[in-house]
Amino acid sequence: MPNSLIKLSLTMLLGALALISIDVFAHGVDDNTRAFLEQNQGVQFIPFLYIGAKHMITGYDHLLFLVGVIFFLYRSKEVLLYVTMFTIGHSTTLLFGVLSDIQVNAYLIDAIIGLSVVYKGFDNLGGFKRCFNWQPNTQWAVLIFGLFHGFGLATKLQEFHLPADGLITNLIAFNIGVELGQFAALVFILIAINAWRKLPSFQRFSTMTNTALMSAGVMLMGYQLTGYFVN
């Protein structure tokens, strides 16, 4: 049973990376959603709620970062604190970025999001203390990277030039949807991690898992930086 659970956990993480398509790397939007956003007029609360939830659940880069954030958090209070910091960060820049029409290069933002995954895997491995004899404030780091994750979401929405009519309400709906999607994903992630923590293999394979997180982040960064220089 322990070996089966180990293989399942690693397979879920690495298999998800293998299935990431080019569209997902770039926060891709399917054709139906794209058509809706481009033709949208007025307040569409429920559709934007759904799109926000769907975007977070399929946003592998966001979820990989969250996996890293909660990987070694054992208390519900700590999980709530860190997830709240992340939520405050990405909610702020999502709304501010779109409403203020702040234009940020999507490739660079997504590269920074990839960097956030590398950072969390490296931090979980104790890399800062071992290599630099220094430990950054993890709460502030999660908040700051949350700001960049929010700009990633804002950048995607700005591509569709949403009409001003009903924009604020639609953005609020989208943001609520993102939070609902994040909550749903976290439930499954926490169930899997908590079940794994009860096994002696957790400590042995935690290094491999966080190394895989770092590898995924490097891959995300490389893809986005390539896109930036090519385009």
Protein backbone atom coordinates (compact mmCIF):
# COMPACT_ATOMS: atom_id res chain seq x y z
CA MET A 1 0.00 0.00 0.00
CA PRO A 2 2.71 2.59 0.85
CA ASN A 3 4.55 1.98 -2.41
CA SER A 4 1.31 2.28 -4.35
CA LEU A 5 0.52 5.62 -2.73
CA ILE A 6 4.02 6.91 -3.37
CA LYS A 7 3.84 5.96 -7.02
CA LEU A 8 0.37 7.49 -7.32
CA SER A 9 1.46 10.80 -5.77
CA LEU A 10 4.55 11.12 -7.94
CA THR A 11 2.68 9.99 -11.03
CA MET A 12 -0.02 12.63 -10.43
CA LEU A 13 2.61 15.36 -10.16
CA LEU A 14 4.86 14.32 -13.02
CA GLY A 15 2.00 13.12 -15.21
CA ALA A 16 0.30 16.49 -14.91
CA LEU A 17 3.47 18.15 -16.14
CA ALA A 18 3.73 15.80 -19.08
CA LEU A 19 0.19 16.60 -20.14
CA ILE A 20 0.65 20.36 -20.10
CA SER A 21 0.00 21.71 -23.58
CA ILE A 22 1.28 24.90 -25.11
CA ASP A 23 -2.06 26.56 -24.38
CA VAL A 24 -1.84 25.68 -20.71
CA PHE A 25 1.67 27.09 -20.45
CA ALA A 26 0.29 30.36 -21.73
CA HIS A 27 -2.83 30.26 -19.53
CA GLY A 28 -4.71 29.00 -22.55
CA VAL A 29 -8.40 29.56 -23.06
CA ASP A 30 -10.54 27.11 -24.99
CA ASP A 31 -12.37 28.24 -28.12
CA ASN A 32 -15.82 28.47 -26.49
CA THR A 33 -14.53 30.60 -23.61
CA ARG A 34 -12.54 32.76 -26.00
CA ALA A 35 -15.63 33.37 -28.15
CA PHE A 36 -17.70 34.26 -25.08
CA LEU A 37 -15.13 36.72 -23.74
CA GLU A 38 -14.68 38.41 -27.09
CA GLN A 39 -18.42 38.84 -27.64
CA ASN A 40 -19.45 39.53 -24.03
CA GLN A 41 -21.65 42.49 -23.31
CA GLY A 42 -22.90 43.67 -19.91
CA VAL A 43 -22.96 41.84 -16.60
CA GLN A 44 -22.45 38.07 -16.89
CA PHE A 45 -21.87 37.05 -13.28
CA ILE A 46 -22.35 33.27 -13.46
CA PRO A 47 -20.35 32.75 -16.69
CA PHE A 48 -17.42 34.76 -15.32
CA LEU A 49 -17.66 32.87 -12.04
CA TYR A 50 -17.40 29.60 -13.95
CA ILE A 51 -14.53 30.83 -16.14
CA GLY A 52 -12.56 31.95 -13.07
CA ALA A 53 -13.00 28.60 -11.32
CA LYS A 54 -12.12 26.66 -14.46
CA HIS A 55 -9.05 28.79 -15.08
CA MET A 56 -7.65 28.14 -11.61
CA ILE A 57 -8.38 24.40 -11.64
CA THR A 58 -6.61 24.01 -15.00
CA GLY A 59 -3.83 26.47 -14.11
CA TYR A 60 -1.01 24.02 -13.45
CA ASP A 61 1.50 26.73 -12.58
CA HIS A 62 -0.76 28.17 -9.87
CA LEU A 63 -1.50 24.72 -8.46
CA LEU A 64 2.16 23.66 -8.46
CA PHE A 65 3.01 26.76 -6.46
CA LEU A 66 0.23 25.98 -3.97
CA VAL A 67 1.47 22.40 -3.62
CA GLY A 68 4.87 23.79 -2.69
CA VAL A 69 3.36 26.31 -0.26
CA ILE A 70 1.37 23.78 1.76
CA PHE A 71 3.71 20.80 1.39
CA PHE A 72 5.24 21.16 4.87
CA LEU A 73 2.35 22.96 6.57
CA TYR A 74 0.82 20.66 9.17
CA ARG A 75 -1.61 22.98 10.97
CA SER A 76 -4.88 24.19 9.48
CA LYS A 77 -4.13 27.67 10.85
CA GLU A 78 -0.87 27.82 8.90
CA VAL A 79 -2.51 26.58 5.70
CA LEU A 80 -5.21 29.24 6.06
CA LEU A 81 -2.63 31.97 6.71
CA TYR A 82 -0.46 31.17 3.68
CA VAL A 83 -3.39 30.61 1.33
CA THR A 84 -4.86 33.93 2.51
CA MET A 85 -1.57 35.71 1.77
CA PHE A 86 -1.53 34.19 -1.72
CA THR A 87 -5.19 35.11 -2.23
CA ILE A 88 -4.68 38.71 -1.16
CA GLY A 89 -1.77 38.99 -3.55
CA HIS A 90 -3.36 37.62 -6.70
CA SER A 91 -6.77 39.20 -6.02
CA THR A 92 -5.20 42.65 -5.67
CA THR A 93 -3.24 42.61 -8.91
CA LEU A 94 -5.99 40.84 -10.84
CA LEU A 95 -8.46 43.64 -10.14
CA PHE A 96 -5.92 46.47 -10.19
CA GLY A 97 -4.22 45.25 -13.35
CA VAL A 98 -7.40 45.06 -15.42
CA LEU A 99 -9.16 48.15 -14.05
CA SER A 100 -6.02 50.28 -14.36
CA ASP A 101 -5.20 48.76 -17.76
CA ILE A 102 -1.62 47.98 -16.71
CA GLN A 103 0.08 46.28 -19.64
CA VAL A 104 2.64 43.66 -18.64
CA ASN A 105 4.41 41.28 -21.00
CA ALA A 106 2.62 37.93 -20.60
CA TYR A 107 5.77 35.87 -21.23
CA LEU A 108 7.75 37.65 -18.52
CA ILE A 109 4.93 37.40 -16.00
CA ASP A 110 4.50 33.69 -16.68
CA ALA A 111 8.27 33.22 -16.39
CA ILE A 112 8.13 34.82 -12.93
CA ILE A 113 5.26 32.49 -12.04
CA GLY A 114 7.52 29.61 -13.07
CA LEU A 115 10.21 31.12 -10.85
CA SER A 116 7.78 31.07 -7.93
CA VAL A 117 7.48 27.29 -8.34
CA VAL A 118 11.28 26.97 -8.40
CA TYR A 119 11.53 29.16 -5.30
CA LYS A 120 9.06 27.10 -3.28
CA GLY A 121 10.64 23.77 -4.18
CA PHE A 122 14.09 25.18 -3.35
CA ASP A 123 12.80 26.63 -0.08
CA ASN A 124 11.17 23.34 0.91
CA LEU A 125 14.50 21.60 0.36
CA GLY A 126 16.19 24.03 2.75
CA GLY A 127 18.22 25.44 -0.11
CA PHE A 128 18.44 29.01 1.20
CA LYS A 129 19.91 28.01 4.54
CA ARG A 130 22.28 25.48 3.02
CA CYS A 131 23.54 27.63 0.15
CA PHE A 132 23.24 31.17 1.54
CA ASN A 133 22.87 30.68 5.30
CA TRP A 134 19.79 32.87 5.03
CA GLN A 135 16.05 32.22 5.08
CA PRO A 136 13.65 34.64 3.34
CA ASN A 137 10.37 35.46 5.04
CA THR A 138 8.10 32.83 3.53
CA GLN A 139 4.89 34.71 4.24
CA TRP A 140 6.08 37.81 2.41
CA ALA A 141 7.44 35.68 -0.42
CA VAL A 142 4.05 33.99 -0.89
CA LEU A 143 2.33 37.39 -0.88
CA ILE A 144 4.77 38.87 -3.41
CA PHE A 145 4.57 35.90 -5.75
CA GLY A 146 0.79 36.04 -5.34
CA LEU A 147 0.93 39.56 -6.79
CA PHE A 148 2.68 38.21 -9.89
CA HIS A 149 0.21 35.32 -10.19
CA GLY A 150 -2.59 37.92 -10.17
CA PHE A 151 -0.89 39.89 -12.95
CA GLY A 152 -0.77 36.64 -14.93
CA LEU A 153 -4.55 36.35 -14.64
CA ALA A 154 -5.04 40.05 -15.42
CA THR A 155 -2.82 39.81 -18.50
CA LYS A 156 -4.93 36.98 -19.88
CA LEU A 157 -8.20 38.89 -19.36
CA GLN A 158 -6.76 42.03 -20.97
CA GLU A 159 -6.18 40.12 -24.20
CA PHE A 160 -9.94 40.07 -24.77
CA HIS A 161 -10.51 43.83 -24.34
CA LEU A 162 -13.53 43.38 -22.08
CA PRO A 163 -16.15 46.14 -22.46
CA ALA A 164 -16.48 48.70 -19.66
CA ASP A 165 -20.18 47.90 -19.23
CA GLY A 166 -20.39 45.54 -16.25
CA LEU A 167 -16.60 45.18 -16.08
CA ILE A 168 -16.25 45.56 -12.30
CA THR A 169 -19.03 43.08 -11.55
CA ASN A 170 -17.65 40.60 -14.06
CA LEU A 171 -14.15 40.92 -12.60
CA ILE A 172 -15.47 40.33 -9.10
CA ALA A 173 -17.30 37.24 -10.36
CA PHE A 174 -14.14 36.00 -12.09
CA ASN A 175 -12.11 36.56 -8.92
CA ILE A 176 -14.67 34.72 -6.78
CA GLY A 177 -14.55 31.89 -9.29
CA VAL A 178 -10.75 31.78 -9.02
CA GLU A 179 -11.05 31.47 -5.24
CA LEU A 180 -13.67 28.72 -5.52
CA GLY A 181 -11.48 26.84 -7.97
CA GLN A 182 -8.49 27.29 -5.70
CA PHE A 183 -10.48 25.99 -2.71
CA ALA A 184 -11.68 22.95 -4.63
CA ALA A 185 -8.16 22.12 -5.79
CA LEU A 186 -6.74 22.61 -2.30
CA VAL A 187 -9.23 20.18 -0.81
CA PHE A 188 -7.98 17.37 -3.05
CA ILE A 189 -4.32 18.37 -2.63
CA LEU A 190 -4.61 18.45 1.17
CA ILE A 191 -6.38 15.09 1.28
CA ALA A 192 -3.61 13.50 -0.79
CA ILE A 193 -0.75 15.12 1.14
CA ASN A 194 -2.28 14.40 4.57
CA ALA A 195 -2.77 10.76 3.64
CA TRP A 196 0.84 10.55 2.45
CA ARG A 197 2.18 12.22 5.62
CA LYS A 198 0.94 9.29 7.69
CA LEU A 199 3.37 6.99 5.89
CA PRO A 200 7.08 6.75 6.71
CA SER A 201 7.84 7.23 3.02
CA PHE A 202 6.77 10.88 3.16
CA GLN A 203 10.09 12.18 4.47
CA ARG A 204 12.10 9.93 2.15
CA PHE A 205 10.27 11.00 -0.99
CA SER A 206 9.65 14.64 -0.06
CA THR A 207 13.05 15.54 -1.53
CA MET A 208 12.18 13.89 -4.83
CA THR A 209 8.80 15.62 -4.95
CA ASN A 210 10.20 19.09 -4.31
CA THR A 211 12.99 18.47 -6.81
CA ALA A 212 10.25 17.67 -9.31
CA LEU A 213 8.58 20.96 -8.41
CA MET A 214 11.80 22.83 -9.11
CA SER A 215 12.20 21.02 -12.41
CA ALA A 216 8.66 21.95 -13.41
CA GLY A 217 9.32 25.58 -12.53
CA VAL A 218 12.51 25.64 -14.58
CA MET A 219 10.63 24.12 -17.51
CA LEU A 220 7.91 26.78 -17.23
CA MET A 221 10.49 29.55 -17.04
CA GLY A 222 12.42 28.22 -20.01
CA TYR A 223 9.32 27.93 -22.16
CA GLN A 224 8.12 31.44 -21.38
CA LEU A 225 11.54 33.09 -21.76
CA THR A 226 11.95 31.34 -25.10
CA GLY A 227 8.60 32.75 -26.15
CA TYR A 228 9.65 36.22 -24.99
CA PHE A 229 12.89 36.29 -26.98
CA VAL A 230 11.40 34.62 -30.06
CA ASN A 231 8.38 36.90 -30.19
